[in-house]
Protein backbone atom coordinates (compact mmCIF):
# COMPACT_ATOMS: atom_id res chain seq x y z
CA MET A 1 4.53 -1.68 10.80
CA LYS A 2 7.34 0.43 9.24
CA TYR A 3 10.80 2.07 9.22
CA LEU A 4 11.75 5.21 7.27
CA LEU A 5 11.93 8.38 8.68
CA THR A 6 13.67 10.53 11.64
CA LEU A 7 16.44 11.23 9.09
CA ILE A 8 14.23 14.23 8.14
CA ALA A 9 14.51 15.75 11.91
CA GLY A 10 18.42 15.35 11.21
CA ILE A 11 18.30 16.98 7.75
CA MET A 12 16.30 20.18 9.08
CA LEU A 13 19.09 20.50 11.59
CA PHE A 14 21.69 20.76 8.71
CA THR A 15 19.80 22.71 6.40
CA SER A 16 19.45 26.53 6.42
CA CYS A 17 15.97 27.89 6.09
CA LYS A 18 16.43 29.64 2.82
CA ASP A 19 14.42 28.68 -0.18
CA ASP A 20 16.20 25.63 -1.56
CA LYS A 21 13.89 24.67 -4.42
CA LYS A 22 15.17 22.96 -7.62
CA ASP A 23 17.41 25.15 -9.44
CA ASP A 24 15.90 24.27 -12.90
CA ASN A 25 12.73 22.79 -13.31
CA SER A 26 12.78 22.80 -17.09
CA SER A 27 14.36 19.34 -17.66
CA VAL A 28 12.13 16.48 -17.48
CA CYS A 29 13.51 13.43 -15.47
CA GLN A 30 12.99 9.71 -16.68
CA ARG A 31 11.19 8.87 -13.46
CA THR A 32 10.23 10.57 -10.23
CA LEU A 33 9.62 8.29 -7.22
CA ILE A 34 7.26 9.73 -4.51
CA CYS A 35 7.74 8.71 -1.10
CA TYR A 36 4.58 9.48 0.76
CA ILE A 37 5.46 8.96 4.48
CA CYS A 38 2.80 9.23 7.26
CA GLY A 39 5.30 9.22 10.33
CA ASP A 40 3.31 11.36 12.66
CA ASN A 41 2.53 8.29 14.90
CA ASN A 42 4.21 5.45 16.62
CA LEU A 43 6.56 4.81 13.84
CA SER A 44 7.98 8.25 14.23
CA ASN A 45 11.59 7.10 15.78
CA GLU A 46 12.23 4.19 13.50
CA ALA A 47 13.68 5.55 10.35
CA GLU A 48 16.92 7.81 10.50
CA GLU A 49 19.18 4.74 9.34
CA ASN A 50 16.62 3.43 7.20
CA ILE A 51 16.89 6.73 4.97
CA ARG A 52 20.48 7.58 5.27
CA ASP A 53 21.82 3.99 4.62
CA LEU A 54 19.31 2.72 1.99
CA ILE A 55 17.33 5.50 0.23
CA LEU A 56 20.51 7.80 -0.09
CA GLU A 57 22.72 5.12 -0.84
CA GLY A 58 20.30 3.33 -3.28
CA SER A 59 19.76 6.55 -5.25
CA LYS A 60 23.25 6.38 -6.16
CA GLU A 61 22.49 3.64 -8.33
CA ILE A 62 19.45 4.89 -10.33
CA GLY A 63 21.17 7.48 -12.39
CA SER A 64 21.02 11.25 -12.83
CA GLU A 65 17.64 10.83 -14.88
CA LYS A 66 15.77 9.64 -12.06
CA GLN A 67 14.95 11.10 -8.64
CA ILE A 68 13.48 10.60 -5.51
CA VAL A 69 10.95 12.87 -3.74
CA VAL A 70 10.31 12.28 0.11
CA VAL A 71 7.24 13.90 1.64
CA VAL A 72 7.25 13.27 5.30
CA ASP A 73 5.36 14.39 8.69
CA ASN A 74 6.87 12.95 12.08
CA GLN A 75 6.68 14.37 15.72
CA LYS A 76 9.65 16.06 15.33
CA THR A 77 9.07 18.21 12.22
CA LYS A 78 6.19 20.01 10.41
CA PRO A 79 5.79 18.26 6.91
CA THR A 80 8.69 18.57 4.77
CA LEU A 81 9.45 17.64 1.24
CA VAL A 82 12.84 16.60 0.20
CA LEU A 83 14.44 15.91 -2.94
CA ILE A 84 17.02 13.05 -3.21
CA LYS A 85 19.10 12.45 -6.31
CA ASN A 86 22.65 10.83 -6.80
CA GLY A 87 23.08 10.21 -3.39
CA GLU A 88 22.41 13.64 -2.17
CA TYR A 89 19.40 15.61 -0.62
CA LYS A 90 18.05 19.07 -0.23
CA VAL A 91 15.01 20.33 1.27
CA SER A 92 12.50 21.59 -1.32
CA GLU A 93 9.52 22.42 0.78
CA GLN A 94 9.40 23.15 4.41
CA TYR A 95 5.67 23.64 5.09
CA GLU A 96 5.00 26.63 7.66
CA THR A 97 2.08 25.15 9.43
CA ASN A 98 1.24 21.51 10.63
CA PHE A 99 -1.60 19.71 8.86
CA TYR A 100 -2.99 16.09 8.35
CA MET A 101 -0.97 14.65 5.50
CA THR A 102 -4.07 12.16 5.39
CA ASP A 103 -6.46 15.19 4.82
CA PRO A 104 -7.43 14.40 1.15
CA GLU A 105 -6.84 18.07 -0.19
CA LYS A 106 -3.51 18.29 1.30
CA MET A 107 -2.71 14.97 -0.24
CA ARG A 108 -4.02 16.18 -3.55
CA GLN A 109 -1.75 19.48 -3.07
CA ILE A 110 1.48 17.95 -1.93
CA LEU A 111 0.91 15.26 -4.90
CA THR A 112 0.16 17.78 -7.61
CA TYR A 113 3.27 19.60 -6.30
CA ALA A 114 5.94 16.93 -6.49
CA MET A 115 4.66 16.16 -10.02
CA THR A 116 4.59 19.68 -11.07
CA GLU A 117 8.06 20.73 -9.76
CA TYR A 118 9.55 17.50 -10.38
CA LYS A 119 8.49 16.35 -13.76
CA ALA A 120 9.05 13.06 -15.42
CA ASN A 121 8.08 10.70 -18.00
CA SER A 122 6.62 8.34 -15.50
CA TYR A 123 5.91 8.44 -11.68
CA ALA A 124 6.08 5.78 -9.04
CA LEU A 125 4.21 6.14 -5.40
CA LEU A 126 5.81 4.62 -2.37
CA LEU A 127 2.82 4.55 0.26
CA TRP A 128 4.77 4.35 4.03
CA GLY A 129 2.89 3.92 7.06
CA HIS A 130 0.29 2.20 8.75
CA SER A 131 -2.87 0.40 6.76
CA ASN A 132 -5.66 -1.95 7.80
CA GLY A 133 -6.59 -2.71 3.85
CA TRP A 134 -9.92 -1.65 2.77
CA ILE A 135 -11.47 -1.93 6.39
CA ILE A 136 -13.19 1.40 7.45
CA GLU A 137 -13.20 2.36 11.31
CA ARG A 138 -15.68 5.08 12.07
CA ASP A 139 -14.38 8.04 14.08
CA THR A 140 -16.02 11.53 15.05
CA ILE A 141 -13.81 13.50 12.79
CA ALA A 142 -14.87 12.59 9.22
CA TYR A 143 -16.16 9.26 7.37
CA GLU A 144 -13.64 9.82 4.39
CA LYS A 145 -10.70 10.07 6.96
CA THR A 146 -11.30 6.87 8.87
CA ARG A 147 -9.05 3.87 8.79
CA GLY A 148 -7.18 2.72 5.55
CA TYR A 149 -3.86 4.49 5.20
CA GLY A 150 -1.84 6.65 7.64
CA PRO A 151 -2.31 7.82 10.45
CA ASP A 152 -1.19 11.45 10.55
CA ASN A 153 -1.14 13.66 13.60
CA VAL A 154 -0.79 17.44 14.01
CA GLY A 155 0.00 17.31 17.64
CA GLU A 156 3.68 17.02 19.50
CA LYS A 157 4.89 13.75 20.36
CA GLY A 158 1.64 11.70 19.19
CA SER A 159 -0.66 13.91 21.16
CA GLY A 160 -4.11 15.24 19.40
CA SER A 161 -5.94 13.13 17.12
CA SER A 162 -4.66 10.42 14.78
CA ILE A 163 -6.32 10.82 11.28
CA TRP A 164 -6.41 8.43 8.61
CA ILE A 165 -7.67 8.32 5.01
CA ASN A 166 -9.47 5.16 3.44
CA TYR A 167 -8.86 3.84 0.05
CA THR A 168 -12.14 5.14 -1.53
CA ALA A 169 -10.94 8.87 -0.39
CA MET A 170 -7.37 8.31 -2.03
CA ALA A 171 -8.77 7.01 -5.40
CA ASP A 172 -10.47 10.39 -5.47
CA VAL A 173 -7.50 12.35 -4.78
CA PHE A 174 -5.50 10.02 -7.18
CA SER A 175 -8.33 11.06 -10.00
CA GLN A 176 -7.34 14.69 -9.56
CA LEU A 177 -3.57 14.18 -10.11
CA PRO A 178 -1.60 15.46 -13.23
CA ALA A 179 -0.43 12.17 -14.21
CA LYS A 180 -1.03 8.52 -13.53
CA PHE A 181 1.50 6.34 -11.74
CA ASP A 182 3.16 3.52 -13.44
CA ILE A 183 3.54 1.47 -9.99
CA ILE A 184 2.27 2.10 -6.46
CA VAL A 185 4.37 0.18 -3.75
CA GLY A 186 3.14 -0.33 -0.37
CA ASP A 187 5.70 -0.20 2.72
CA LEU A 188 2.64 -0.98 4.85
CA CYS A 189 0.28 -3.91 5.70
CA LEU A 190 -2.55 -5.26 3.79
CA LEU A 191 -2.21 -3.44 0.95
CA GLN A 192 -3.07 -6.27 -1.14
CA CYS A 193 -6.64 -6.60 -1.11
CA VAL A 194 -8.88 -6.90 -4.37
CA GLU A 195 -11.27 -4.23 -2.96
CA VAL A 196 -8.22 -1.75 -2.66
CA ALA A 197 -6.70 -2.72 -6.03
CA TYR A 198 -9.67 -2.23 -7.98
CA GLU A 199 -10.51 1.17 -6.40
CA LEU A 200 -7.08 2.51 -7.56
CA ARG A 201 -6.98 0.48 -10.96
CA ASN A 202 -7.63 3.69 -12.90
CA TYR A 203 -4.74 5.73 -11.42
CA THR A 204 -1.89 3.02 -11.51
CA ASN A 205 -0.66 0.33 -13.94
CA TYR A 206 0.99 -1.82 -11.04
CA ILE A 207 0.48 -2.35 -7.50
CA VAL A 208 3.08 -4.30 -5.47
CA GLY A 209 2.65 -4.92 -1.99
CA ALA A 210 1.86 -7.69 0.90
CA PRO A 211 -1.72 -9.02 1.70
CA SER A 212 -0.30 -9.47 4.99
CA GLU A 213 1.61 -7.62 7.79
CA VAL A 214 4.70 -6.10 7.21
CA PRO A 215 7.62 -6.30 9.56
CA GLY A 216 8.52 -2.79 11.31
CA ASP A 217 11.94 -2.61 9.77
CA GLY A 218 10.68 -1.55 6.51
CA LEU A 219 11.48 -2.72 2.94
CA PRO A 220 15.08 -3.38 1.91
CA TYR A 221 15.65 -0.42 -0.11
CA ASP A 222 19.29 -0.95 -0.89
CA THR A 223 18.14 -3.75 -3.35
CA ALA A 224 14.73 -2.47 -3.99
CA ILE A 225 15.10 1.19 -5.32
CA LYS A 226 16.60 0.21 -8.67
CA TYR A 227 13.56 -1.78 -9.39
CA LEU A 228 11.34 0.92 -8.36
CA PHE A 229 12.81 2.89 -11.42
CA GLY A 230 12.50 0.08 -13.73
CA SER A 231 11.08 -0.17 -17.06
CA GLY A 232 8.47 -3.04 -17.14
CA GLU A 233 7.02 -6.38 -15.59
CA GLN A 234 10.34 -7.94 -15.11
CA ASP A 235 11.85 -5.40 -12.91
CA TYR A 236 8.59 -5.21 -10.94
CA LYS A 237 8.83 -9.05 -10.48
CA ALA A 238 12.22 -8.71 -9.21
CA LEU A 239 11.05 -5.66 -6.88
CA ALA A 240 8.59 -8.18 -5.48
CA ASN A 241 11.17 -10.95 -5.09
CA SER A 242 13.34 -7.92 -3.15
CA ILE A 243 10.52 -7.42 -0.97
CA TYR A 244 9.82 -10.94 -0.02
CA ASP A 245 13.51 -11.99 0.33
CA ASN A 246 14.36 -9.11 3.06
CA LYS A 247 17.95 -9.75 3.84
CA LYS A 248 17.63 -6.63 6.31
CA THR A 249 15.30 -8.31 8.42
CA GLY A 250 15.63 -11.90 7.81
CA TYR A 251 11.60 -12.41 7.51
CA PRO A 252 9.87 -13.21 4.30
CA VAL A 253 6.91 -11.23 3.48
CA PRO A 254 4.16 -12.33 1.31
CA THR A 255 4.28 -10.20 -1.86
CA SER A 256 2.24 -9.85 -5.26
CA LEU A 257 2.21 -8.05 -8.42
CA VAL A 258 -1.18 -6.88 -9.64
CA LYS A 259 -1.82 -5.75 -13.21
CA THR A 260 -4.53 -3.22 -12.79
CA SER A 261 -5.53 -3.50 -16.25
CA ALA A 262 -7.02 -6.79 -15.90
CA LEU A 263 -9.00 -6.44 -12.64
CA GLU A 264 -12.28 -5.45 -14.56
CA ASP A 265 -12.24 -9.00 -16.18
CA LEU A 266 -11.41 -10.55 -13.07
CA ARG A 267 -14.31 -8.80 -11.15
CA GLN A 268 -16.56 -9.74 -13.87
CA ALA A 269 -15.31 -13.42 -13.72
CA THR A 270 -15.85 -13.22 -9.90
CA LEU A 271 -19.38 -11.38 -10.12
CA SER A 272 -20.61 -14.33 -12.35
CA LEU A 273 -19.75 -16.78 -9.85
CA VAL A 274 -21.91 -14.99 -7.54
CA LYS A 275 -24.70 -14.47 -9.80
CA SER A 276 -24.65 -17.99 -10.85
CA GLY A 277 -24.99 -19.59 -7.28
CA LYS A 278 -21.76 -20.76 -7.48
CA LEU A 279 -20.10 -18.87 -4.55
CA GLN A 280 -22.45 -17.54 -1.95
CA PRO A 281 -21.39 -16.04 1.74
CA GLU A 282 -23.97 -18.22 3.25
CA THR A 283 -22.39 -21.59 2.19
CA CYS A 284 -18.81 -20.45 1.55
CA ASN A 285 -16.27 -22.86 3.20
CA PHE A 286 -13.46 -21.08 5.01
CA ASN A 287 -12.10 -24.58 6.39
CA ASP A 288 -8.29 -24.45 5.89
CA VAL A 289 -8.42 -21.02 3.91
CA ILE A 290 -5.26 -18.80 4.28
CA TYR A 291 -6.16 -15.30 5.87
CA TYR A 292 -4.02 -12.44 6.73
CA TYR A 293 -5.64 -10.71 9.57
CA ARG A 294 -7.92 -10.60 12.54
CA PHE A 295 -10.46 -7.82 13.37
CA GLU A 296 -11.71 -8.23 16.85
CA ALA A 297 -10.96 -11.33 17.11
CA ASN A 298 -12.54 -12.46 13.57
CA PRO A 299 -10.43 -13.90 10.63
CA MET A 300 -10.61 -11.68 7.84
CA MET A 301 -8.55 -10.67 4.69
CA TYR A 302 -9.07 -14.42 3.30
CA ASP A 303 -7.04 -15.17 0.22
CA MET A 304 -8.83 -14.91 -2.82
CA GLN A 305 -7.56 -17.69 -4.64
CA ASN A 306 -7.67 -20.32 -1.69
CA ILE A 307 -11.39 -19.25 -1.47
CA MET A 308 -12.05 -20.14 -4.99
CA LEU A 309 -10.00 -23.48 -4.68
CA ASN A 310 -12.20 -24.37 -1.78
CA ASN A 311 -15.44 -23.71 -3.14
CA LEU A 312 -15.67 -24.04 -6.89
CA ASP A 313 -15.79 -27.34 -8.88
CA ALA A 314 -12.78 -27.82 -10.78
CA ASN A 315 -13.86 -26.59 -14.37
CA SER A 316 -15.39 -23.21 -12.57
CA TYR A 317 -12.03 -22.89 -10.92
CA THR A 318 -10.08 -23.31 -13.79
CA GLU A 319 -11.97 -20.91 -15.72
CA TRP A 320 -12.21 -18.16 -12.98
CA LYS A 321 -8.16 -18.85 -12.53
CA LYS A 322 -7.43 -17.85 -16.06
CA ALA A 323 -8.66 -14.22 -15.16
CA PHE A 324 -6.84 -14.22 -11.94
CA ASP A 325 -3.78 -15.15 -13.37
CA LYS A 326 -4.14 -12.32 -15.55
CA ALA A 327 -4.38 -9.50 -12.69
CA VAL A 328 -2.03 -11.33 -10.21
CA ILE A 329 0.73 -11.97 -12.67
CA TYR A 330 3.62 -12.61 -9.77
CA LYS A 331 3.54 -13.60 -6.15
CA VAL A 332 5.95 -15.31 -3.74
CA VAL A 333 5.42 -16.55 -0.37
CA GLY A 334 6.88 -18.60 2.66
CA ASP A 335 5.33 -21.16 4.83
CA ARG A 336 4.85 -18.19 7.63
CA TRP A 337 5.45 -14.59 8.17
CA VAL A 338 5.74 -12.16 10.98
CA THR A 339 2.25 -11.39 12.44
CA GLU A 340 0.90 -10.01 15.77
CA TYR A 341 -1.39 -13.44 15.59
CA PRO A 342 0.99 -16.30 15.46
CA SER A 343 -1.28 -18.77 16.41
CA MET A 344 -3.28 -18.35 13.07
CA PHE A 345 -0.74 -20.51 11.21
CA ASN A 346 -2.46 -23.29 13.16
CA ASP A 347 -5.83 -22.66 11.01
CA PHE A 348 -4.44 -23.25 7.56
CA THR A 349 -1.50 -24.60 5.49
CA ILE A 350 0.21 -22.78 2.88
CA THR A 351 1.06 -24.14 -0.73
CA GLU A 352 2.01 -22.88 -3.87
CA GLU A 353 -1.29 -23.84 -4.96
CA ASN A 354 -3.61 -22.34 -2.45
CA TYR A 355 -1.74 -19.19 -2.00
CA GLY A 356 -2.85 -16.07 -4.57
CA GLY A 357 -1.13 -13.00 -3.02
CA LEU A 358 -4.28 -11.39 -3.05
CA SER A 359 -7.33 -11.10 -0.46
CA MET A 360 -10.94 -10.69 -0.73
CA PHE A 361 -13.68 -10.02 1.50
CA VAL A 362 -16.77 -12.26 1.71
CA PRO A 363 -19.65 -11.23 4.14
CA LYS A 364 -20.26 -13.44 7.30
CA THR A 365 -23.04 -13.42 9.90
CA GLU A 366 -20.39 -12.95 12.68
CA TYR A 367 -19.07 -9.83 11.35
CA ASN A 368 -22.55 -8.09 12.12
CA TYR A 369 -21.74 -8.45 15.54
CA MET A 370 -18.54 -6.56 15.46
CA TYR A 371 -18.36 -3.33 17.71
CA MET A 372 -15.81 -1.15 16.05
CA TYR A 373 -15.74 -2.44 12.37
CA LYS A 374 -18.93 -2.84 10.22
CA PRO A 375 -17.24 -4.95 7.01
CA ASN A 376 -21.03 -6.03 5.80
CA ASP A 377 -21.67 -2.62 5.42
CA ASP A 378 -18.87 -0.91 4.60
CA ILE A 379 -17.85 -3.37 1.74
CA ARG A 380 -20.56 -1.51 -0.03
CA HIS A 381 -18.68 1.91 -0.39
CA TYR A 382 -16.20 -0.06 -2.56
CA GLU A 383 -16.49 -0.19 -6.32
CA TRP A 384 -15.71 -3.90 -6.33
CA ASN A 385 -18.32 -4.88 -4.21
CA ILE A 386 -20.02 -7.95 -5.86
CA TRP A 387 -22.24 -9.03 -3.18
CA ASP A 388 -25.27 -6.47 -3.61
CA ASN A 389 -26.30 -7.23 -6.96
CA GLU A 390 -29.62 -7.85 -8.85
């Protein structure tokens, strides 16, 4: 689902092994954008041109008071940290040992280093890689390292184990960082789940990304970079537009902008519907409701706004929508998007009214019989969970 990374291997070929850290870290930049790239997987060969032509070129437009820190692991190099500024780059840190960038402690160390070494008045985070949203897939390594975001690998050419970090563990990592992010941007699939947004709400002011799958070509960094260094909601709305209208691929990407400070009110408004019996899993009508993915052939990641539109009376929907609109402050969508399940578009119709740009999980009986995923159980690990209440 991506595209951003073998340039690092090229950088290493042309950069000496001497310590090339920042000459002077006493000054504080206006903003540091940290690009966290998990590419030691099947995305490893897709990115050299993407960084060279888009990130490096895009950095020329953002000025000297702003900088990009790329932290990357792929099949050709060990984890490496590169500073990009004014169209130029230098290797700041090449780690001597290979490790999982999806290990929570390693992620904490890397992000803390980037924030400390490249101080700024504000920080933005780009998450780059694969994602399956809040859904957890168990493995034999460690529960907290299972699916969510990643995966990373420590073997050559994809050998060894691929390890993920889920978003509950990621939230714990963010809670230990020196500063809060102003914005988190996802160049990955299925980020815009209300469960994920609520889990990260205390560690970022805004989240921009797609509730759906994302084309493998990646974001249009040549047009999007300047908005990542924006100063407010208008810039972030322009960022959402740039992601949606990806001239590089020609494929529209459903995109939304979430304001995290409004998520608690949205949870309370939604929880009250459950407690009052107006929204019940057993009777929820999913007919013609937009969904963004299938797990083990089961439609999931249903559009939150569309669920409410389909199941609430007019007055209840109007009241709930007030809270939703304060949380999802911008959204764009076309009539379809790139997906490995193109037949899904036979199951629903997309309109401006029913598209909300944020998915929500509702327990269903058929999910109990899934083999690899246990969503009815795993939702309990998320703070958003509104289904187990007294």
